[in-house]
């Protein structure tokens, strides 16, 4: 065959083979890098939501940090009050004593405006200084004894031991000195101790048989209504007389006017007393 024809044939084959394959390869090579970032972009689209979660956690962490600073301050103010240090402090002095001088300005502003100002355990004086606010204002054993006597006289009941420990500096020493003046009762619901004044004038000797009868009656799970029903069944109605009674004010009678009384009096013809005659005898 003619070598020129063979060359043309080979060129034709090369063109026919080269044109489709090259296009396919180009399309595949071009499409794959375009598709890959799209597939990768899906998790990147979810990253903002995860980023939001991180910001929320950081916000929660910041609030947790702020309340941690506040808790340290309240605990320190309470401990120094129990040790007898009752002079007020500024915020900088409190942060210095609690080793928290690295607190930022935002947290300091939050402590001054919201946290310490509205805290029930912290009191702010007129100078803007802070002091621990105890449940009771007592400084020594005399103040504690006076408080217990007032509660006993006014019928206010007992005082929680933990409130006294929180209020009275050097509480354990005072309680040892007043051991004979105080009676402790443990509350069954939460096992907390309640203090009462030991009024020795109210002590009286009671027969042992009566004490046994008193202790034999179980009233743990009974309220006042059930006790009253039980007493009524036994023919005892003494509980009806207890409690405050409503006193109805007596209605005052209005005094009639004197003018009306004068009008109702019969009028006699006194000026004709000499002229009148009686005809009974005739």
C-alpha atoms as a PDB file:
ATOM      1  CA  UNK A   1       0.000   0.000   0.000  1.00  0.00           C
ATOM      2  CA  UNK A   2       0.860   3.632  -0.470  1.00  0.00           C
ATOM      3  CA  UNK A   3       2.766   4.902   2.543  1.00  0.00           C
ATOM      4  CA  UNK A   4       0.902   8.204   2.362  1.00  0.00           C
ATOM      5  CA  UNK A   5      -2.421   6.425   2.809  1.00  0.00           C
ATOM      6  CA  UNK A   6      -1.057   4.497   5.741  1.00  0.00           C
ATOM      7  CA  UNK A   7       0.036   7.696   7.404  1.00  0.00           C
ATOM      8  CA  UNK A   8      -3.380   9.285   6.873  1.00  0.00           C
ATOM      9  CA  UNK A   9      -5.042   6.164   8.286  1.00  0.00           C
ATOM     10  CA  UNK A  10      -2.869   6.256  11.402  1.00  0.00           C
ATOM     11  CA  UNK A  11      -3.505   9.942  11.866  1.00  0.00           C
ATOM     12  CA  UNK A  12      -7.258   9.354  11.574  1.00  0.00           C
ATOM     13  CA  UNK A  13      -7.142   6.608  14.168  1.00  0.00           C
ATOM     14  CA  UNK A  14      -5.149   8.788  16.511  1.00  0.00           C
ATOM     15  CA  UNK A  15      -7.640  11.630  16.144  1.00  0.00           C
ATOM     16  CA  UNK A  16     -10.612   9.334  16.616  1.00  0.00           C
ATOM     17  CA  UNK A  17      -9.125   7.764  19.702  1.00  0.00           C
ATOM     18  CA  UNK A  18      -7.683  10.898  21.174  1.00  0.00           C
ATOM     19  CA  UNK A  19     -10.649  13.212  20.986  1.00  0.00           C
ATOM     20  CA  UNK A  20     -13.195  11.271  23.183  1.00  0.00           C
ATOM     21  CA  UNK A  21     -10.716  10.000  25.748  1.00  0.00           C
ATOM     22  CA  UNK A  22      -9.132  13.353  26.320  1.00  0.00           C
ATOM     23  CA  UNK A  23     -12.496  14.994  26.899  1.00  0.00           C
ATOM     24  CA  UNK A  24     -13.564  12.307  29.353  1.00  0.00           C
ATOM     25  CA  UNK A  25     -10.351  12.531  31.270  1.00  0.00           C
ATOM     26  CA  UNK A  26     -10.594  16.279  31.432  1.00  0.00           C
ATOM     27  CA  UNK A  27     -14.184  16.130  32.636  1.00  0.00           C
ATOM     28  CA  UNK A  28     -13.301  13.571  35.302  1.00  0.00           C
ATOM     29  CA  UNK A  29     -10.229  15.406  36.449  1.00  0.00           C
ATOM     30  CA  UNK A  30     -12.069  18.705  36.526  1.00  0.00           C
ATOM     31  CA  UNK A  31     -15.204  17.331  38.182  1.00  0.00           C
ATOM     32  CA  UNK A  32     -13.462  15.498  40.978  1.00  0.00           C
ATOM     33  CA  UNK A  33     -11.767  18.503  42.568  1.00  0.00           C
ATOM     34  CA  UNK A  34     -15.019  20.463  42.291  1.00  0.00           C
ATOM     35  CA  UNK A  35     -17.041  17.727  43.945  1.00  0.00           C
ATOM     36  CA  UNK A  36     -14.562  17.125  46.737  1.00  0.00           C
ATOM     37  CA  UNK A  37     -14.730  20.627  48.242  1.00  0.00           C
ATOM     38  CA  UNK A  38     -18.494  20.455  48.031  1.00  0.00           C
ATOM     39  CA  UNK A  39     -18.484  17.262  50.022  1.00  0.00           C
ATOM     40  CA  UNK A  40     -16.008  18.748  52.430  1.00  0.00           C
ATOM     41  CA  UNK A  41     -18.037  21.911  52.694  1.00  0.00           C
ATOM     42  CA  UNK A  42     -20.910  20.021  54.342  1.00  0.00           C
ATOM     43  CA  UNK A  43     -19.096  19.454  57.601  1.00  0.00           C
ATOM     44  CA  UNK A  44     -17.784  23.001  57.369  1.00  0.00           C
ATOM     45  CA  UNK A  45     -21.392  24.188  57.227  1.00  0.00           C
ATOM     46  CA  UNK A  46     -22.014  22.359  60.486  1.00  0.00           C
ATOM     47  CA  UNK A  47     -19.021  24.005  62.108  1.00  0.00           C
ATOM     48  CA  UNK A  48     -20.860  27.278  62.813  1.00  0.00           C
ATOM     49  CA  UNK A  49     -23.404  25.368  64.840  1.00  0.00           C
ATOM     50  CA  UNK A  50     -20.612  23.626  66.691  1.00  0.00           C
ATOM     51  CA  UNK A  51     -18.934  26.986  67.036  1.00  0.00           C
ATOM     52  CA  UNK A  52     -22.145  28.251  68.613  1.00  0.00           C
ATOM     53  CA  UNK A  53     -21.951  25.381  71.065  1.00  0.00           C
ATOM     54  CA  UNK A  54     -18.429  26.342  71.953  1.00  0.00           C
ATOM     55  CA  UNK A  55     -19.436  29.933  72.550  1.00  0.00           C
ATOM     56  CA  UNK A  56     -22.280  28.771  74.776  1.00  0.00           C
ATOM     57  CA  UNK A  57     -19.869  26.651  76.764  1.00  0.00           C
ATOM     58  CA  UNK A  58     -17.514  29.557  77.055  1.00  0.00           C
ATOM     59  CA  UNK A  59     -20.391  31.703  78.275  1.00  0.00           C
ATOM     60  CA  UNK A  60     -21.366  29.031  80.792  1.00  0.00           C
ATOM     61  CA  UNK A  61     -17.768  28.803  81.888  1.00  0.00           C
ATOM     62  CA  UNK A  62     -17.563  32.534  82.390  1.00  0.00           C
ATOM     63  CA  UNK A  63     -20.722  32.557  84.527  1.00  0.00           C
ATOM     64  CA  UNK A  64     -19.375  29.602  86.469  1.00  0.00           C
ATOM     65  CA  UNK A  65     -16.155  31.533  87.026  1.00  0.00           C
ATOM     66  CA  UNK A  66     -18.070  34.595  88.246  1.00  0.00           C
ATOM     67  CA  UNK A  67     -20.130  32.602  90.726  1.00  0.00           C
ATOM     68  CA  UNK A  68     -16.964  30.850  91.884  1.00  0.00           C
ATOM     69  CA  UNK A  69     -15.456  34.239  92.708  1.00  0.00           C
ATOM     70  CA  UNK A  70     -18.654  35.201  94.558  1.00  0.00           C
ATOM     71  CA  UNK A  71     -18.686  31.952  96.550  1.00  0.00           C
ATOM     72  CA  UNK A  72     -15.103  32.535  97.711  1.00  0.00           C
ATOM     73  CA  UNK A  73     -15.974  36.061  98.821  1.00  0.00           C
ATOM     74  CA  UNK A  74     -19.052  34.999 100.829  1.00  0.00           C
ATOM     75  CA  UNK A  75     -17.169  32.119 102.453  1.00  0.00           C
ATOM     76  CA  UNK A  76     -14.286  34.405 103.406  1.00  0.00           C
ATOM     77  CA  UNK A  77     -16.589  37.086 104.839  1.00  0.00           C
ATOM     78  CA  UNK A  78     -18.392  34.462 106.909  1.00  0.00           C
ATOM     79  CA  UNK A  79     -15.185  32.932 108.286  1.00  0.00           C
ATOM     80  CA  UNK A  80     -13.699  36.305 109.255  1.00  0.00           C
ATOM     81  CA  UNK A  81     -16.975  37.263 111.000  1.00  0.00           C
ATOM     82  CA  UNK A  82     -16.889  34.032 113.015  1.00  0.00           C
ATOM     83  CA  UNK A  83     -13.327  34.861 114.038  1.00  0.00           C
ATOM     84  CA  UNK A  84     -14.402  38.273 115.351  1.00  0.00           C
ATOM     85  CA  UNK A  85     -13.286  40.475 112.413  1.00  0.00           C
ATOM     86  CA  UNK A  86     -16.408  42.545 111.864  1.00  0.00           C
ATOM     87  CA  UNK A  87     -14.944  45.703 110.292  1.00  0.00           C
ATOM     88  CA  UNK A  88     -16.169  46.400 106.728  1.00  0.00           C
ATOM     89  CA  UNK A  89     -13.942  45.972 103.667  1.00  0.00           C
ATOM     90  CA  UNK A  90     -13.827  47.404 100.176  1.00  0.00           C
ATOM     91  CA  UNK A  91     -14.051  45.159  97.135  1.00  0.00           C
ATOM     92  CA  UNK A  92     -10.328  45.510  96.428  1.00  0.00           C
ATOM     93  CA  UNK A  93      -9.506  44.512 100.015  1.00  0.00           C
ATOM     94  CA  UNK A  94     -11.786  41.479  99.772  1.00  0.00           C
ATOM     95  CA  UNK A  95     -10.200  40.379  96.487  1.00  0.00           C
ATOM     96  CA  UNK A  96      -6.766  40.875  98.010  1.00  0.00           C
ATOM     97  CA  UNK A  97      -7.582  38.718 101.055  1.00  0.00           C
ATOM     98  CA  UNK A  98      -9.083  35.994  98.848  1.00  0.00           C
ATOM     99  CA  UNK A  99      -6.132  36.076  96.388  1.00  0.00           C
ATOM    100  CA  UNK A 100      -8.331  37.080  93.449  1.00  0.00           C
ATOM    101  CA  UNK A 101      -6.675  40.272  92.250  1.00  0.00           C
ATOM    102  CA  UNK A 102      -6.627  38.958  88.667  1.00  0.00           C
ATOM    103  CA  UNK A 103     -10.406  39.407  88.357  1.00  0.00           C
ATOM    104  CA  UNK A 104     -11.399  41.447  85.308  1.00  0.00           C
ATOM    105  CA  UNK A 105     -13.230  44.755  85.277  1.00  0.00           C
ATOM    106  CA  UNK A 106     -16.483  43.190  84.028  1.00  0.00           C
ATOM    107  CA  UNK A 107     -16.559  40.719  86.901  1.00  0.00           C
ATOM    108  CA  UNK A 108     -15.814  43.515  89.377  1.00  0.00           C
ATOM    109  CA  UNK A 109     -18.675  45.559  87.956  1.00  0.00           C
ATOM    110  CA  UNK A 110     -20.984  42.552  88.235  1.00  0.00           C
ATOM    111  CA  UNK A 111     -19.933  41.994  91.851  1.00  0.00           C
ATOM    112  CA  UNK A 112     -20.529  45.613  92.837  1.00  0.00           C
ATOM    113  CA  UNK A 113     -23.809  46.200  90.999  1.00  0.00           C
ATOM    114  CA  UNK A 114     -25.573  42.827  91.215  1.00  0.00           C
ATOM    115  CA  UNK A 115     -23.893  40.014  93.102  1.00  0.00           C
ATOM    116  CA  UNK A 116     -22.797  41.581  96.384  1.00  0.00           C
ATOM    117  CA  UNK A 117     -25.531  44.219  96.457  1.00  0.00           C
ATOM    118  CA  UNK A 118     -28.314  41.596  96.220  1.00  0.00           C
ATOM    119  CA  UNK A 119     -26.672  38.821  98.226  1.00  0.00           C
ATOM    120  CA  UNK A 120     -28.589  37.967 101.438  1.00  0.00           C
ATOM    121  CA  UNK A 121     -25.333  37.161 103.264  1.00  0.00           C
ATOM    122  CA  UNK A 122     -23.574  40.445 102.448  1.00  0.00           C
ATOM    123  CA  UNK A 123     -24.455  43.918 103.726  1.00  0.00           C
ATOM    124  CA  UNK A 124     -23.326  47.198 102.158  1.00  0.00           C
ATOM    125  CA  UNK A 125     -22.880  50.226 104.404  1.00  0.00           C
ATOM    126  CA  UNK A 126     -23.175  53.905 103.472  1.00  0.00           C
ATOM    127  CA  UNK A 127     -19.500  54.125 102.569  1.00  0.00           C
ATOM    128  CA  UNK A 128     -19.868  51.363  99.979  1.00  0.00           C
ATOM    129  CA  UNK A 129     -17.941  48.813 102.045  1.00  0.00           C
ATOM    130  CA  UNK A 130     -19.021  45.234 102.610  1.00  0.00           C
ATOM    131  CA  UNK A 131     -19.638  43.239 105.778  1.00  0.00           C
ATOM    132  CA  UNK A 132     -21.108  39.830 106.523  1.00  0.00           C
ATOM    133  CA  UNK A 133     -24.835  39.853 107.299  1.00  0.00           C
ATOM    134  CA  UNK A 134     -25.490  37.317 110.053  1.00  0.00           C
ATOM    135  CA  UNK A 135     -28.971  35.961 110.896  1.00  0.00           C
ATOM    136  CA  UNK A 136     -28.734  37.464 114.415  1.00  0.00           C
ATOM    137  CA  UNK A 137     -26.765  40.472 115.655  1.00  0.00           C
ATOM    138  CA  UNK A 138     -25.072  38.942 118.682  1.00  0.00           C
ATOM    139  CA  UNK A 139     -21.451  39.497 119.700  1.00  0.00           C
ATOM    140  CA  UNK A 140     -21.003  37.545 122.928  1.00  0.00           C
ATOM    141  CA  UNK A 141     -22.626  35.025 125.268  1.00  0.00           C
ATOM    142  CA  UNK A 142     -24.661  37.743 127.007  1.00  0.00           C
ATOM    143  CA  UNK A 143     -26.281  38.692 123.709  1.00  0.00           C
ATOM    144  CA  UNK A 144     -27.072  35.037 123.002  1.00  0.00           C
ATOM    145  CA  UNK A 145     -28.657  34.516 126.423  1.00  0.00           C
ATOM    146  CA  UNK A 146     -30.714  37.682 126.016  1.00  0.00           C
ATOM    147  CA  UNK A 147     -31.912  36.519 122.612  1.00  0.00           C
ATOM    148  CA  UNK A 148     -32.978  33.125 123.969  1.00  0.00           C
ATOM    149  CA  UNK A 149     -34.863  34.762 126.845  1.00  0.00           C
ATOM    150  CA  UNK A 150     -36.729  37.082 124.474  1.00  0.00           C
ATOM    151  CA  UNK A 151     -37.768  34.156 122.286  1.00  0.00           C
ATOM    152  CA  UNK A 152     -38.959  32.288 125.367  1.00  0.00           C
ATOM    153  CA  UNK A 153     -40.949  35.222 126.790  1.00  0.00           C
ATOM    154  CA  UNK A 154     -42.579  36.127 123.478  1.00  0.00           C
ATOM    155  CA  UNK A 155     -43.362  32.524 122.588  1.00  0.00           C
ATOM    156  CA  UNK A 156     -41.312  32.625 119.383  1.00  0.00           C
ATOM    157  CA  UNK A 157     -39.942  29.116 119.830  1.00  0.00           C
ATOM    158  CA  UNK A 158     -36.363  27.964 119.510  1.00  0.00           C
ATOM    159  CA  UNK A 159     -33.383  29.094 117.446  1.00  0.00           C
ATOM    160  CA  UNK A 160     -31.457  27.002 114.961  1.00  0.00           C
ATOM    161  CA  UNK A 161     -28.008  26.075 116.216  1.00  0.00           C
ATOM    162  CA  UNK A 162     -26.462  26.628 112.780  1.00  0.00           C
ATOM    163  CA  UNK A 163     -27.807  30.206 112.731  1.00  0.00           C
ATOM    164  CA  UNK A 164     -26.176  30.890 116.096  1.00  0.00           C
ATOM    165  CA  UNK A 165     -22.894  29.347 114.907  1.00  0.00           C
ATOM    166  CA  UNK A 166     -23.030  31.588 111.857  1.00  0.00           C
ATOM    167  CA  UNK A 167     -23.828  34.731 113.867  1.00  0.00           C
ATOM    168  CA  UNK A 168     -21.834  34.479 117.107  1.00  0.00           C
ATOM    169  CA  UNK A 169     -18.023  34.867 116.953  1.00  0.00           C
ATOM    170  CA  UNK A 170     -16.160  32.113 118.830  1.00  0.00           C
ATOM    171  CA  UNK A 171     -19.445  30.304 119.255  1.00  0.00           C
ATOM    172  CA  UNK A 172     -18.119  27.091 120.812  1.00  0.00           C
ATOM    173  CA  UNK A 173     -16.651  28.894 123.832  1.00  0.00           C
ATOM    174  CA  UNK A 174     -19.900  30.740 124.500  1.00  0.00           C
ATOM    175  CA  UNK A 175     -21.947  27.565 124.245  1.00  0.00           C
ATOM    176  CA  UNK A 176     -19.706  25.831 126.775  1.00  0.00           C
ATOM    177  CA  UNK A 177     -20.212  28.670 129.278  1.00  0.00           C
ATOM    178  CA  UNK A 178     -23.992  28.599 128.764  1.00  0.00           C
ATOM    179  CA  UNK A 179     -24.394  24.815 128.867  1.00  0.00           C
ATOM    180  CA  UNK A 180     -26.757  24.953 131.882  1.00  0.00           C
ATOM    181  CA  UNK A 181     -28.858  27.759 130.382  1.00  0.00           C
ATOM    182  CA  UNK A 182     -29.653  26.075 127.053  1.00  0.00           C
ATOM    183  CA  UNK A 183     -31.757  23.065 126.112  1.00  0.00           C
ATOM    184  CA  UNK A 184     -31.135  21.317 122.760  1.00  0.00           C
ATOM    185  CA  UNK A 185     -33.781  19.436 120.795  1.00  0.00           C
ATOM    186  CA  UNK A 186     -33.026  17.523 117.577  1.00  0.00           C
ATOM    187  CA  UNK A 187     -35.603  18.015 114.849  1.00  0.00           C
ATOM    188  CA  UNK A 188     -36.625  14.579 113.495  1.00  0.00           C
ATOM    189  CA  UNK A 189     -37.169  15.630 109.866  1.00  0.00           C
ATOM    190  CA  UNK A 190     -33.623  16.828 109.126  1.00  0.00           C
ATOM    191  CA  UNK A 191     -31.728  16.060 112.373  1.00  0.00           C
ATOM    192  CA  UNK A 192     -30.914  19.733 112.952  1.00  0.00           C
ATOM    193  CA  UNK A 193     -30.501  20.999 116.511  1.00  0.00           C
ATOM    194  CA  UNK A 194     -32.741  23.724 117.933  1.00  0.00           C
ATOM    195  CA  UNK A 195     -31.851  25.779 121.004  1.00  0.00           C
ATOM    196  CA  UNK A 196     -34.264  26.814 123.766  1.00  0.00           C
ATOM    197  CA  UNK A 197     -33.785  28.834 126.919  1.00  0.00           C
ATOM    198  CA  UNK A 198     -33.713  26.617 129.992  1.00  0.00           C
ATOM    199  CA  UNK A 199     -36.215  28.413 132.210  1.00  0.00           C
ATOM    200  CA  UNK A 200     -35.589  26.831 135.612  1.00  0.00           C
ATOM    201  CA  UNK A 201     -38.588  28.557 137.174  1.00  0.00           C
ATOM    202  CA  UNK A 202     -40.847  26.375 135.035  1.00  0.00           C
ATOM    203  CA  UNK A 203     -39.356  23.143 136.383  1.00  0.00           C
ATOM    204  CA  UNK A 204     -41.798  20.983 138.350  1.00  0.00           C
ATOM    205  CA  UNK A 205     -41.817  17.459 139.689  1.00  0.00           C
ATOM    206  CA  UNK A 206     -44.136  15.096 137.818  1.00  0.00           C
ATOM    207  CA  UNK A 207     -45.188  11.668 138.993  1.00  0.00           C
ATOM    208  CA  UNK A 208     -43.434   8.777 137.232  1.00  0.00           C
ATOM    209  CA  UNK A 209     -46.735   7.046 136.375  1.00  0.00           C
ATOM    210  CA  UNK A 210     -47.923  10.146 134.554  1.00  0.00           C
ATOM    211  CA  UNK A 211     -44.610  10.327 132.695  1.00  0.00           C
ATOM    212  CA  UNK A 212     -44.985   6.702 131.578  1.00  0.00           C
ATOM    213  CA  UNK A 213     -48.512   7.368 130.343  1.00  0.00           C
ATOM    214  CA  UNK A 214     -47.350  10.483 128.513  1.00  0.00           C
ATOM    215  CA  UNK A 215     -44.510   8.657 126.791  1.00  0.00           C
ATOM    216  CA  UNK A 216     -46.684   5.680 125.871  1.00  0.00           C
ATOM    217  CA  UNK A 217     -48.910   7.813 123.622  1.00  0.00           C
ATOM    218  CA  UNK A 218     -47.510   7.901 120.061  1.00  0.00           C
ATOM    219  CA  UNK A 219     -48.368  11.101 118.188  1.00  0.00           C
ATOM    220  CA  UNK A 220     -45.582  11.097 115.595  1.00  0.00           C
ATOM    221  CA  UNK A 221     -47.747  10.809 112.475  1.00  0.00           C
ATOM    222  CA  UNK A 222     -50.772  12.669 113.827  1.00  0.00           C
ATOM    223  CA  UNK A 223     -51.679  16.267 113.181  1.00  0.00           C
ATOM    224  CA  UNK A 224     -53.854  18.548 115.314  1.00  0.00           C
ATOM    225  CA  UNK A 225     -57.079  17.484 113.585  1.00  0.00           C
ATOM    226  CA  UNK A 226     -56.470  13.785 114.249  1.00  0.00           C
ATOM    227  CA  UNK A 227     -55.561  14.467 117.880  1.00  0.00           C
ATOM    228  CA  UNK A 228     -58.727  16.522 118.302  1.00  0.00           C
ATOM    229  CA  UNK A 229     -60.854  13.720 116.808  1.00  0.00           C
ATOM    230  CA  UNK A 230     -59.253  11.190 119.142  1.00  0.00           C
ATOM    231  CA  UNK A 231     -59.913  13.382 122.175  1.00  0.00           C
ATOM    232  CA  UNK A 232     -63.537  13.889 121.154  1.00  0.00           C
ATOM    233  CA  UNK A 233     -64.016  10.126 120.903  1.00  0.00           C
ATOM    234  CA  UNK A 234     -62.629   9.826 124.424  1.00  0.00           C
ATOM    235  CA  UNK A 235     -65.055  12.497 125.637  1.00  0.00           C
ATOM    236  CA  UNK A 236     -62.449  15.252 126.034  1.00  0.00           C
ATOM    237  CA  UNK A 237     -63.212  18.612 124.482  1.00  0.00           C
ATOM    238  CA  UNK A 238     -60.562  20.779 126.073  1.00  0.00           C
ATOM    239  CA  UNK A 239     -58.879  21.586 122.748  1.00  0.00           C
ATOM    240  CA  UNK A 240     -61.897  23.560 121.594  1.00  0.00           C
ATOM    241  CA  UNK A 241     -61.063  26.250 124.133  1.00  0.00           C
ATOM    242  CA  UNK A 242     -57.516  26.726 122.797  1.00  0.00           C
ATOM    243  CA  UNK A 243     -56.588  29.270 120.173  1.00  0.00           C
ATOM    244  CA  UNK A 244     -57.493  32.827 119.559  1.00  0.00           C
ATOM    245  CA  UNK A 245     -61.157  33.677 119.723  1.00  0.00           C
ATOM    246  CA  UNK A 246     -62.818  36.322 117.678  1.00  0.00           C
ATOM    247  CA  UNK A 247     -64.232  38.973 119.906  1.00  0.00           C
ATOM    248  CA  UNK A 248     -67.195  40.675 118.321  1.00  0.00           C
ATOM    249  CA  UNK A 249     -67.418  44.295 119.405  1.00  0.00           C
ATOM    250  CA  UNK A 250     -70.601  45.094 121.327  1.00  0.00           C
ATOM    251  CA  UNK A 251     -72.909  47.507 119.545  1.00  0.00           C
ATOM    252  CA  UNK A 252     -73.425  50.661 121.532  1.00  0.00           C
ATOM    253  CA  UNK A 253     -76.966  51.865 121.819  1.00  0.00           C
ATOM    254  CA  UNK A 254     -77.525  55.306 120.552  1.00  0.00           C
ATOM    255  CA  UNK A 255     -78.877  57.720 123.112  1.00  0.00           C
ATOM    256  CA  UNK A 256     -82.110  59.309 122.003  1.00  0.00           C
ATOM    257  CA  UNK A 257     -82.017  63.031 121.542  1.00  0.00           C
ATOM    258  CA  UNK A 258     -83.344  65.110 124.409  1.00  0.00           C
ATOM    259  CA  UNK A 259     -85.325  67.207 121.993  1.00  0.00           C
ATOM    260  CA  UNK A 260     -87.352  64.190 120.908  1.00  0.00           C
ATOM    261  CA  UNK A 261     -88.041  63.319 124.564  1.00  0.00           C
ATOM    262  CA  UNK A 262     -89.349  66.811 125.183  1.00  0.00           C
ATOM    263  CA  UNK A 263     -91.616  66.585 122.163  1.00  0.00           C
ATOM    264  CA  UNK A 264     -93.069  63.254 123.319  1.00  0.00           C
ATOM    265  CA  UNK A 265     -94.004  64.574 126.800  1.00  0.00           C
ATOM    266  CA  UNK A 266     -97.732  65.329 127.159  1.00  0.00           C
ATOM    267  CA  UNK A 267     -98.542  68.974 127.543  1.00  0.00           C
ATOM    268  CA  UNK A 268    -100.988  70.073 130.312  1.00  0.00           C
ATOM    269  CA  UNK A 269    -102.968  73.315 130.459  1.00  0.00           C
ATOM    270  CA  UNK A 270    -101.293  74.519 133.603  1.00  0.00           C
ATOM    271  CA  UNK A 271    -102.514  78.058 133.140  1.00  0.00           C
ATOM    272  CA  UNK A 272    -106.167  76.790 133.517  1.00  0.00           C
ATOM    273  CA  UNK A 273    -105.608  74.847 136.741  1.00  0.00           C
ATOM    274  CA  UNK A 274    -107.835  77.246 138.831  1.00  0.00           C
ATOM    275  CA  UNK A 275    -110.681  77.318 136.318  1.00  0.00           C
ATOM    276  CA  UNK A 276    -111.144  73.580 135.858  1.00  0.00           C
ATOM    277  CA  UNK A 277    -113.895  71.941 137.892  1.00  0.00           C
ATOM    278  CA  UNK A 278    -114.719  68.305 138.536  1.00  0.00           C
ATOM    279  CA  UNK A 279    -118.341  67.057 138.264  1.00  0.00           C
ATOM    280  CA  UNK A 280    -117.973  63.649 139.845  1.00  0.00           C
ATOM    281  CA  UNK A 281    -119.940  64.527 143.020  1.00  0.00           C
ATOM    282  CA  UNK A 282    -122.888  66.037 141.192  1.00  0.00           C
END
